[in-house]
């Protein structure tokens, strides 16, 4: 009974470090919405201030969802279905959940020959796909200043999304050939501003354990359990074997011989 109790105690310790711990940690992940209060807040592809990392200007008065810290100057963030980065000094974290956090914008392409979608807002960039003539189901994330393709046109490009042959394409369309732009009205949702440091529960710097660290802990706990169980069970088997052999070994007594005196003559 003592051995059974010890085994149960070992398994209790093992279960306390089981993957259920990661589920609790994931459920407690803390995120924040941040409002865009100026007209020059960029959404970045990487946490750097280089121009090549700027994807578009986020529509003013709307929100981004802050997911984590990304160094001293950036947050890892989400806007619509895009994941990227925003500068900390360009957004205002708020204590609340907006009803309509993201702008819903579309436009139409009226170029008869189609409109190319580029990887960067300039003519020598890679062409990722094209927009069809009079196509309207084009998601507009935001605008950015790029190359003016010809004199007296414009230097504004639309960072947009379309689907071509079942593949999703994100890139830049030259806005000169775009019309029927649905620009959203101002988002008036406002919440108390968060002035202190943001604490993301999924950050390693906040004391949380990564999935790799948890896996190592589980492995470190489970291996000793297996060894202990082996040591607890294997001696019983050896004792049973020895006991069986002992039963088979029968100690012989002294033989009795009856002496006949006639054999001496």
C-alpha atoms as a PDB file:
ATOM      1  CA  UNK A   1       0.000   0.000   0.000  1.00  0.00           C
ATOM      2  CA  UNK A   2       2.894   2.354   0.710  1.00  0.00           C
ATOM      3  CA  UNK A   3       4.231   1.795  -2.798  1.00  0.00           C
ATOM      4  CA  UNK A   4       0.847   2.508  -4.337  1.00  0.00           C
ATOM      5  CA  UNK A   5       0.618   5.748  -2.370  1.00  0.00           C
ATOM      6  CA  UNK A   6       4.074   6.765  -3.524  1.00  0.00           C
ATOM      7  CA  UNK A   7       3.175   6.085  -7.156  1.00  0.00           C
ATOM      8  CA  UNK A   8       0.038   8.202  -6.847  1.00  0.00           C
ATOM      9  CA  UNK A   9       2.046  11.037  -5.317  1.00  0.00           C
ATOM     10  CA  UNK A  10       4.528  10.918  -8.211  1.00  0.00           C
ATOM     11  CA  UNK A  11       1.779  11.070 -10.810  1.00  0.00           C
ATOM     12  CA  UNK A  12       0.187  14.001  -8.965  1.00  0.00           C
ATOM     13  CA  UNK A  13       3.440  15.946  -9.292  1.00  0.00           C
ATOM     14  CA  UNK A  14       3.673  15.007 -12.981  1.00  0.00           C
ATOM     15  CA  UNK A  15       0.142  16.194 -13.718  1.00  0.00           C
ATOM     16  CA  UNK A  16       0.841  19.523 -12.051  1.00  0.00           C
ATOM     17  CA  UNK A  17       3.373  20.203 -14.829  1.00  0.00           C
ATOM     18  CA  UNK A  18       1.218  18.828 -17.648  1.00  0.00           C
ATOM     19  CA  UNK A  19       0.394  20.817 -20.847  1.00  0.00           C
ATOM     20  CA  UNK A  20      -2.802  22.086 -19.174  1.00  0.00           C
ATOM     21  CA  UNK A  21      -0.545  24.793 -17.733  1.00  0.00           C
ATOM     22  CA  UNK A  22      -0.073  26.243 -21.239  1.00  0.00           C
ATOM     23  CA  UNK A  23      -3.835  26.391 -21.738  1.00  0.00           C
ATOM     24  CA  UNK A  24      -4.267  28.526 -18.649  1.00  0.00           C
ATOM     25  CA  UNK A  25      -1.458  30.820 -19.740  1.00  0.00           C
ATOM     26  CA  UNK A  26      -2.958  31.222 -23.227  1.00  0.00           C
ATOM     27  CA  UNK A  27      -6.391  32.029 -21.796  1.00  0.00           C
ATOM     28  CA  UNK A  28      -4.861  34.776 -19.666  1.00  0.00           C
ATOM     29  CA  UNK A  29      -3.126  36.526 -22.595  1.00  0.00           C
ATOM     30  CA  UNK A  30      -3.593  40.272 -22.213  1.00  0.00           C
ATOM     31  CA  UNK A  31      -4.015  42.563 -25.211  1.00  0.00           C
ATOM     32  CA  UNK A  32      -4.871  46.241 -25.569  1.00  0.00           C
ATOM     33  CA  UNK A  33      -6.541  48.431 -28.158  1.00  0.00           C
ATOM     34  CA  UNK A  34      -4.713  51.619 -29.084  1.00  0.00           C
ATOM     35  CA  UNK A  35      -6.356  54.560 -30.835  1.00  0.00           C
ATOM     36  CA  UNK A  36      -4.759  56.507 -33.690  1.00  0.00           C
ATOM     37  CA  UNK A  37      -5.015  60.159 -32.675  1.00  0.00           C
ATOM     38  CA  UNK A  38      -2.825  61.657 -35.408  1.00  0.00           C
ATOM     39  CA  UNK A  39      -2.732  61.487 -39.201  1.00  0.00           C
ATOM     40  CA  UNK A  40       0.783  60.120 -39.553  1.00  0.00           C
ATOM     41  CA  UNK A  41       0.837  56.795 -37.688  1.00  0.00           C
ATOM     42  CA  UNK A  42       2.348  54.014 -39.795  1.00  0.00           C
ATOM     43  CA  UNK A  43       1.835  50.283 -39.805  1.00  0.00           C
ATOM     44  CA  UNK A  44       5.238  48.610 -40.191  1.00  0.00           C
ATOM     45  CA  UNK A  45       6.359  45.266 -41.571  1.00  0.00           C
ATOM     46  CA  UNK A  46       9.243  45.087 -39.063  1.00  0.00           C
ATOM     47  CA  UNK A  47      10.128  46.925 -35.828  1.00  0.00           C
ATOM     48  CA  UNK A  48      12.418  49.448 -37.537  1.00  0.00           C
ATOM     49  CA  UNK A  49      11.994  53.069 -38.584  1.00  0.00           C
ATOM     50  CA  UNK A  50      13.353  52.590 -42.105  1.00  0.00           C
ATOM     51  CA  UNK A  51      11.081  53.770 -44.910  1.00  0.00           C
ATOM     52  CA  UNK A  52      11.085  50.311 -46.489  1.00  0.00           C
ATOM     53  CA  UNK A  53       9.402  48.932 -43.348  1.00  0.00           C
ATOM     54  CA  UNK A  54       6.469  51.363 -43.608  1.00  0.00           C
ATOM     55  CA  UNK A  55       3.419  49.666 -45.121  1.00  0.00           C
ATOM     56  CA  UNK A  56       0.774  52.402 -44.905  1.00  0.00           C
ATOM     57  CA  UNK A  57      -0.652  55.190 -42.779  1.00  0.00           C
ATOM     58  CA  UNK A  58      -3.320  53.843 -40.432  1.00  0.00           C
ATOM     59  CA  UNK A  59      -6.626  55.728 -40.794  1.00  0.00           C
ATOM     60  CA  UNK A  60      -6.884  58.333 -38.069  1.00  0.00           C
ATOM     61  CA  UNK A  61      -9.392  57.840 -35.219  1.00  0.00           C
ATOM     62  CA  UNK A  62      -9.386  54.035 -35.624  1.00  0.00           C
ATOM     63  CA  UNK A  63      -7.595  51.392 -33.569  1.00  0.00           C
ATOM     64  CA  UNK A  64      -4.908  48.738 -33.679  1.00  0.00           C
ATOM     65  CA  UNK A  65      -4.785  45.718 -31.388  1.00  0.00           C
ATOM     66  CA  UNK A  66      -1.547  45.598 -29.398  1.00  0.00           C
ATOM     67  CA  UNK A  67      -0.309  42.030 -28.880  1.00  0.00           C
ATOM     68  CA  UNK A  68       3.129  42.392 -27.327  1.00  0.00           C
ATOM     69  CA  UNK A  69       6.177  44.577 -26.864  1.00  0.00           C
ATOM     70  CA  UNK A  70       8.686  44.579 -29.708  1.00  0.00           C
ATOM     71  CA  UNK A  71      11.668  46.304 -28.184  1.00  0.00           C
ATOM     72  CA  UNK A  72      11.736  49.766 -26.665  1.00  0.00           C
ATOM     73  CA  UNK A  73      10.078  51.671 -29.518  1.00  0.00           C
ATOM     74  CA  UNK A  74       7.531  49.291 -31.066  1.00  0.00           C
ATOM     75  CA  UNK A  75       4.500  47.151 -30.297  1.00  0.00           C
ATOM     76  CA  UNK A  76       3.639  43.958 -32.144  1.00  0.00           C
ATOM     77  CA  UNK A  77       0.126  44.681 -33.391  1.00  0.00           C
ATOM     78  CA  UNK A  78      -2.810  43.668 -35.566  1.00  0.00           C
ATOM     79  CA  UNK A  79      -4.883  45.761 -37.949  1.00  0.00           C
ATOM     80  CA  UNK A  80      -7.786  44.025 -39.699  1.00  0.00           C
ATOM     81  CA  UNK A  81      -6.200  40.709 -40.779  1.00  0.00           C
ATOM     82  CA  UNK A  82      -2.644  42.071 -40.922  1.00  0.00           C
ATOM     83  CA  UNK A  83       0.060  41.464 -38.313  1.00  0.00           C
ATOM     84  CA  UNK A  84       2.870  43.970 -38.033  1.00  0.00           C
ATOM     85  CA  UNK A  85       4.261  46.721 -35.825  1.00  0.00           C
ATOM     86  CA  UNK A  86       3.402  50.221 -34.660  1.00  0.00           C
ATOM     87  CA  UNK A  87       5.528  52.831 -32.960  1.00  0.00           C
ATOM     88  CA  UNK A  88       4.734  53.328 -29.295  1.00  0.00           C
ATOM     89  CA  UNK A  89       4.798  57.104 -29.599  1.00  0.00           C
ATOM     90  CA  UNK A  90       2.317  57.064 -32.507  1.00  0.00           C
ATOM     91  CA  UNK A  91      -0.536  55.209 -30.793  1.00  0.00           C
ATOM     92  CA  UNK A  92      -2.529  55.723 -27.591  1.00  0.00           C
ATOM     93  CA  UNK A  93      -3.381  52.568 -25.583  1.00  0.00           C
ATOM     94  CA  UNK A  94      -6.855  52.700 -24.076  1.00  0.00           C
ATOM     95  CA  UNK A  95      -8.739  50.768 -21.424  1.00  0.00           C
ATOM     96  CA  UNK A  96     -11.679  49.529 -23.459  1.00  0.00           C
ATOM     97  CA  UNK A  97     -12.813  47.395 -26.392  1.00  0.00           C
ATOM     98  CA  UNK A  98     -14.138  49.373 -29.387  1.00  0.00           C
ATOM     99  CA  UNK A  99     -17.162  48.158 -31.320  1.00  0.00           C
ATOM    100  CA  UNK A 100     -15.654  49.054 -34.710  1.00  0.00           C
ATOM    101  CA  UNK A 101     -11.893  49.161 -34.224  1.00  0.00           C
ATOM    102  CA  UNK A 102     -10.877  49.006 -37.894  1.00  0.00           C
ATOM    103  CA  UNK A 103     -11.812  51.144 -40.874  1.00  0.00           C
ATOM    104  CA  UNK A 104     -13.837  49.418 -43.585  1.00  0.00           C
ATOM    105  CA  UNK A 105     -12.608  50.867 -46.896  1.00  0.00           C
ATOM    106  CA  UNK A 106     -12.771  49.707 -50.517  1.00  0.00           C
ATOM    107  CA  UNK A 107     -12.223  51.249 -53.965  1.00  0.00           C
ATOM    108  CA  UNK A 108     -12.732  50.543 -57.682  1.00  0.00           C
ATOM    109  CA  UNK A 109     -10.160  50.180 -60.430  1.00  0.00           C
ATOM    110  CA  UNK A 110     -11.208  51.922 -63.672  1.00  0.00           C
ATOM    111  CA  UNK A 111      -8.078  51.238 -65.733  1.00  0.00           C
ATOM    112  CA  UNK A 112      -9.308  49.358 -68.876  1.00  0.00           C
ATOM    113  CA  UNK A 113      -6.093  47.337 -69.107  1.00  0.00           C
ATOM    114  CA  UNK A 114      -6.138  46.325 -65.465  1.00  0.00           C
ATOM    115  CA  UNK A 115      -4.038  47.770 -62.679  1.00  0.00           C
ATOM    116  CA  UNK A 116      -0.810  46.196 -61.438  1.00  0.00           C
ATOM    117  CA  UNK A 117      -0.290  45.523 -57.730  1.00  0.00           C
ATOM    118  CA  UNK A 118       3.329  46.168 -56.703  1.00  0.00           C
ATOM    119  CA  UNK A 119       5.426  45.056 -53.742  1.00  0.00           C
ATOM    120  CA  UNK A 120       6.497  48.681 -53.154  1.00  0.00           C
ATOM    121  CA  UNK A 121       4.922  52.031 -54.184  1.00  0.00           C
ATOM    122  CA  UNK A 122       7.158  52.526 -57.218  1.00  0.00           C
ATOM    123  CA  UNK A 123       7.200  51.422 -60.836  1.00  0.00           C
ATOM    124  CA  UNK A 124      10.359  49.279 -60.704  1.00  0.00           C
ATOM    125  CA  UNK A 125       9.081  47.125 -57.813  1.00  0.00           C
ATOM    126  CA  UNK A 126       7.977  43.517 -58.214  1.00  0.00           C
ATOM    127  CA  UNK A 127       4.505  43.041 -59.691  1.00  0.00           C
ATOM    128  CA  UNK A 128       2.533  40.678 -57.450  1.00  0.00           C
ATOM    129  CA  UNK A 129      -0.719  40.592 -59.413  1.00  0.00           C
ATOM    130  CA  UNK A 130      -3.296  42.856 -61.004  1.00  0.00           C
ATOM    131  CA  UNK A 131      -6.752  44.334 -60.441  1.00  0.00           C
ATOM    132  CA  UNK A 132      -9.429  43.753 -63.052  1.00  0.00           C
ATOM    133  CA  UNK A 133     -11.220  46.534 -64.886  1.00  0.00           C
ATOM    134  CA  UNK A 134     -14.056  47.906 -62.735  1.00  0.00           C
ATOM    135  CA  UNK A 135     -13.227  45.515 -59.904  1.00  0.00           C
ATOM    136  CA  UNK A 136     -14.641  46.771 -56.589  1.00  0.00           C
ATOM    137  CA  UNK A 137     -14.084  44.012 -54.013  1.00  0.00           C
ATOM    138  CA  UNK A 138     -10.679  45.419 -53.055  1.00  0.00           C
ATOM    139  CA  UNK A 139      -9.833  45.963 -49.394  1.00  0.00           C
ATOM    140  CA  UNK A 140      -8.082  49.267 -48.721  1.00  0.00           C
ATOM    141  CA  UNK A 141      -5.892  49.214 -45.605  1.00  0.00           C
ATOM    142  CA  UNK A 142      -4.370  52.659 -45.938  1.00  0.00           C
ATOM    143  CA  UNK A 143      -2.380  55.062 -48.065  1.00  0.00           C
ATOM    144  CA  UNK A 144       1.293  55.902 -48.450  1.00  0.00           C
ATOM    145  CA  UNK A 145       3.356  58.408 -50.436  1.00  0.00           C
ATOM    146  CA  UNK A 146       5.381  56.820 -53.231  1.00  0.00           C
ATOM    147  CA  UNK A 147       6.559  57.497 -56.748  1.00  0.00           C
ATOM    148  CA  UNK A 148       4.644  59.785 -59.090  1.00  0.00           C
ATOM    149  CA  UNK A 149       4.365  57.589 -62.183  1.00  0.00           C
ATOM    150  CA  UNK A 150       3.887  60.457 -64.615  1.00  0.00           C
ATOM    151  CA  UNK A 151       3.793  64.246 -64.443  1.00  0.00           C
ATOM    152  CA  UNK A 152       0.772  65.931 -62.897  1.00  0.00           C
ATOM    153  CA  UNK A 153      -0.711  62.640 -61.690  1.00  0.00           C
ATOM    154  CA  UNK A 154      -0.294  61.747 -57.996  1.00  0.00           C
ATOM    155  CA  UNK A 155       2.212  60.184 -55.613  1.00  0.00           C
ATOM    156  CA  UNK A 156      -0.425  58.494 -53.451  1.00  0.00           C
ATOM    157  CA  UNK A 157      -0.608  54.692 -53.479  1.00  0.00           C
ATOM    158  CA  UNK A 158      -3.180  52.384 -51.901  1.00  0.00           C
ATOM    159  CA  UNK A 159      -2.015  49.424 -49.821  1.00  0.00           C
ATOM    160  CA  UNK A 160      -4.705  46.908 -50.665  1.00  0.00           C
ATOM    161  CA  UNK A 161      -5.726  43.275 -50.734  1.00  0.00           C
ATOM    162  CA  UNK A 162      -7.340  41.224 -53.474  1.00  0.00           C
ATOM    163  CA  UNK A 163      -7.742  37.566 -54.371  1.00  0.00           C
ATOM    164  CA  UNK A 164      -6.426  36.242 -57.674  1.00  0.00           C
ATOM    165  CA  UNK A 165      -6.735  32.594 -58.735  1.00  0.00           C
ATOM    166  CA  UNK A 166      -7.576  31.704 -55.145  1.00  0.00           C
ATOM    167  CA  UNK A 167      -4.465  33.407 -53.806  1.00  0.00           C
ATOM    168  CA  UNK A 168      -4.533  36.427 -51.524  1.00  0.00           C
ATOM    169  CA  UNK A 169      -2.402  39.347 -52.732  1.00  0.00           C
ATOM    170  CA  UNK A 170      -1.321  42.302 -50.588  1.00  0.00           C
ATOM    171  CA  UNK A 171       0.418  45.181 -52.302  1.00  0.00           C
ATOM    172  CA  UNK A 172       0.279  48.705 -53.730  1.00  0.00           C
ATOM    173  CA  UNK A 173      -2.017  50.077 -56.413  1.00  0.00           C
ATOM    174  CA  UNK A 174      -1.408  53.477 -58.041  1.00  0.00           C
ATOM    175  CA  UNK A 175      -4.334  55.549 -56.785  1.00  0.00           C
ATOM    176  CA  UNK A 176      -4.604  57.668 -59.967  1.00  0.00           C
ATOM    177  CA  UNK A 177      -6.620  54.841 -61.548  1.00  0.00           C
ATOM    178  CA  UNK A 178      -8.854  54.279 -58.516  1.00  0.00           C
ATOM    179  CA  UNK A 179     -12.220  55.808 -57.719  1.00  0.00           C
ATOM    180  CA  UNK A 180     -15.361  55.166 -55.681  1.00  0.00           C
ATOM    181  CA  UNK A 181     -13.246  55.091 -52.542  1.00  0.00           C
ATOM    182  CA  UNK A 182     -15.377  54.324 -49.485  1.00  0.00           C
ATOM    183  CA  UNK A 183     -13.725  56.391 -46.810  1.00  0.00           C
ATOM    184  CA  UNK A 184     -15.110  55.676 -43.332  1.00  0.00           C
ATOM    185  CA  UNK A 185     -16.381  58.420 -41.104  1.00  0.00           C
ATOM    186  CA  UNK A 186     -14.513  59.383 -37.964  1.00  0.00           C
ATOM    187  CA  UNK A 187     -14.530  56.795 -35.203  1.00  0.00           C
ATOM    188  CA  UNK A 188     -15.725  58.615 -32.095  1.00  0.00           C
ATOM    189  CA  UNK A 189     -15.190  55.720 -29.675  1.00  0.00           C
ATOM    190  CA  UNK A 190     -12.957  56.819 -26.830  1.00  0.00           C
ATOM    191  CA  UNK A 191     -11.836  55.194 -23.569  1.00  0.00           C
ATOM    192  CA  UNK A 192      -9.610  56.120 -20.632  1.00  0.00           C
ATOM    193  CA  UNK A 193      -6.012  56.341 -21.745  1.00  0.00           C
ATOM    194  CA  UNK A 194      -3.460  53.953 -20.242  1.00  0.00           C
ATOM    195  CA  UNK A 195      -0.453  56.001 -19.197  1.00  0.00           C
ATOM    196  CA  UNK A 196       1.642  53.298 -17.503  1.00  0.00           C
ATOM    197  CA  UNK A 197       3.586  50.421 -18.983  1.00  0.00           C
ATOM    198  CA  UNK A 198       1.559  47.721 -20.673  1.00  0.00           C
ATOM    199  CA  UNK A 199       1.890  44.218 -19.243  1.00  0.00           C
ATOM    200  CA  UNK A 200       1.448  41.444 -21.806  1.00  0.00           C
ATOM    201  CA  UNK A 201       0.975  38.102 -20.038  1.00  0.00           C
ATOM    202  CA  UNK A 202       2.442  36.186 -22.988  1.00  0.00           C
ATOM    203  CA  UNK A 203       5.754  38.095 -22.831  1.00  0.00           C
ATOM    204  CA  UNK A 204       8.817  36.261 -21.568  1.00  0.00           C
ATOM    205  CA  UNK A 205       9.983  39.498 -19.982  1.00  0.00           C
ATOM    206  CA  UNK A 206       6.835  39.510 -17.842  1.00  0.00           C
ATOM    207  CA  UNK A 207       7.765  36.279 -16.121  1.00  0.00           C
ATOM    208  CA  UNK A 208       5.807  33.850 -18.324  1.00  0.00           C
ATOM    209  CA  UNK A 209       7.334  30.613 -19.510  1.00  0.00           C
ATOM    210  CA  UNK A 210       7.683  29.838 -23.187  1.00  0.00           C
ATOM    211  CA  UNK A 211       6.253  26.631 -24.633  1.00  0.00           C
ATOM    212  CA  UNK A 212       9.805  25.299 -25.057  1.00  0.00           C
ATOM    213  CA  UNK A 213      10.607  25.899 -21.401  1.00  0.00           C
ATOM    214  CA  UNK A 214       7.404  24.177 -20.318  1.00  0.00           C
ATOM    215  CA  UNK A 215       8.187  21.193 -22.544  1.00  0.00           C
ATOM    216  CA  UNK A 216      11.642  20.884 -20.946  1.00  0.00           C
ATOM    217  CA  UNK A 217      10.092  20.971 -17.470  1.00  0.00           C
ATOM    218  CA  UNK A 218       7.612  18.246 -18.404  1.00  0.00           C
ATOM    219  CA  UNK A 219      10.418  16.095 -19.796  1.00  0.00           C
ATOM    220  CA  UNK A 220      12.594  16.686 -16.736  1.00  0.00           C
ATOM    221  CA  UNK A 221       9.763  15.628 -14.420  1.00  0.00           C
ATOM    222  CA  UNK A 222       8.510  12.655 -16.425  1.00  0.00           C
ATOM    223  CA  UNK A 223      11.877  10.900 -16.845  1.00  0.00           C
ATOM    224  CA  UNK A 224      12.585  10.587 -13.082  1.00  0.00           C
ATOM    225  CA  UNK A 225       9.030   9.318 -12.615  1.00  0.00           C
ATOM    226  CA  UNK A 226       9.653   6.514 -15.066  1.00  0.00           C
ATOM    227  CA  UNK A 227      12.930   5.614 -13.377  1.00  0.00           C
ATOM    228  CA  UNK A 228      11.304   5.547  -9.929  1.00  0.00           C
ATOM    229  CA  UNK A 229       8.454   3.389 -11.194  1.00  0.00           C
ATOM    230  CA  UNK A 230      10.944   0.960 -12.717  1.00  0.00           C
ATOM    231  CA  UNK A 231      12.906   0.720  -9.470  1.00  0.00           C
ATOM    232  CA  UNK A 232       9.716   0.186  -7.475  1.00  0.00           C
ATOM    233  CA  UNK A 233       8.429  -2.593  -9.690  1.00  0.00           C
ATOM    234  CA  UNK A 234      11.540  -4.427 -10.866  1.00  0.00           C
ATOM    235  CA  UNK A 235      12.810  -5.629  -7.393  1.00  0.00           C
ATOM    236  CA  UNK A 236       9.508  -7.457  -6.851  1.00  0.00           C
ATOM    237  CA  UNK A 237      10.083  -9.413 -10.029  1.00  0.00           C
ATOM    238  CA  UNK A 238      13.596 -10.416  -8.956  1.00  0.00           C
ATOM    239  CA  UNK A 239      12.356 -11.530  -5.537  1.00  0.00           C
ATOM    240  CA  UNK A 240       9.643 -13.659  -7.084  1.00  0.00           C
ATOM    241  CA  UNK A 241      12.216 -15.314  -9.314  1.00  0.00           C
ATOM    242  CA  UNK A 242      14.559 -16.097  -6.451  1.00  0.00           C
ATOM    243  CA  UNK A 243      11.741 -17.413  -4.335  1.00  0.00           C
ATOM    244  CA  UNK A 244      10.635 -19.782  -7.071  1.00  0.00           C
ATOM    245  CA  UNK A 245      14.130 -21.133  -7.482  1.00  0.00           C
ATOM    246  CA  UNK A 246      14.395 -21.620  -3.723  1.00  0.00           C
ATOM    247  CA  UNK A 247      11.262 -23.733  -3.679  1.00  0.00           C
ATOM    248  CA  UNK A 248      12.645 -25.988  -6.377  1.00  0.00           C
ATOM    249  CA  UNK A 249      15.882 -26.574  -4.441  1.00  0.00           C
ATOM    250  CA  UNK A 250      15.272 -29.363  -1.859  1.00  0.00           C
ATOM    251  CA  UNK A 251      17.870 -30.013   0.771  1.00  0.00           C
ATOM    252  CA  UNK A 252      18.585 -33.758   1.036  1.00  0.00           C
ATOM    253  CA  UNK A 253      18.847 -35.368   4.432  1.00  0.00           C
ATOM    254  CA  UNK A 254      21.485 -37.944   5.422  1.00  0.00           C
ATOM    255  CA  UNK A 255      21.027 -41.339   3.826  1.00  0.00           C
ATOM    256  CA  UNK A 256      20.352 -44.223   6.294  1.00  0.00           C
ATOM    257  CA  UNK A 257      22.234 -47.452   5.726  1.00  0.00           C
ATOM    258  CA  UNK A 258      21.468 -50.605   7.707  1.00  0.00           C
ATOM    259  CA  UNK A 259      24.667 -52.487   8.517  1.00  0.00           C
ATOM    260  CA  UNK A 260      24.670 -56.289   8.348  1.00  0.00           C
ATOM    261  CA  UNK A 261      27.343 -58.064  10.459  1.00  0.00           C
ATOM    262  CA  UNK A 262      27.336 -61.132   8.125  1.00  0.00           C
ATOM    263  CA  UNK A 263      28.921 -58.997   5.442  1.00  0.00           C
ATOM    264  CA  UNK A 264      32.147 -58.906   7.450  1.00  0.00           C
ATOM    265  CA  UNK A 265      32.711 -62.668   7.326  1.00  0.00           C
END
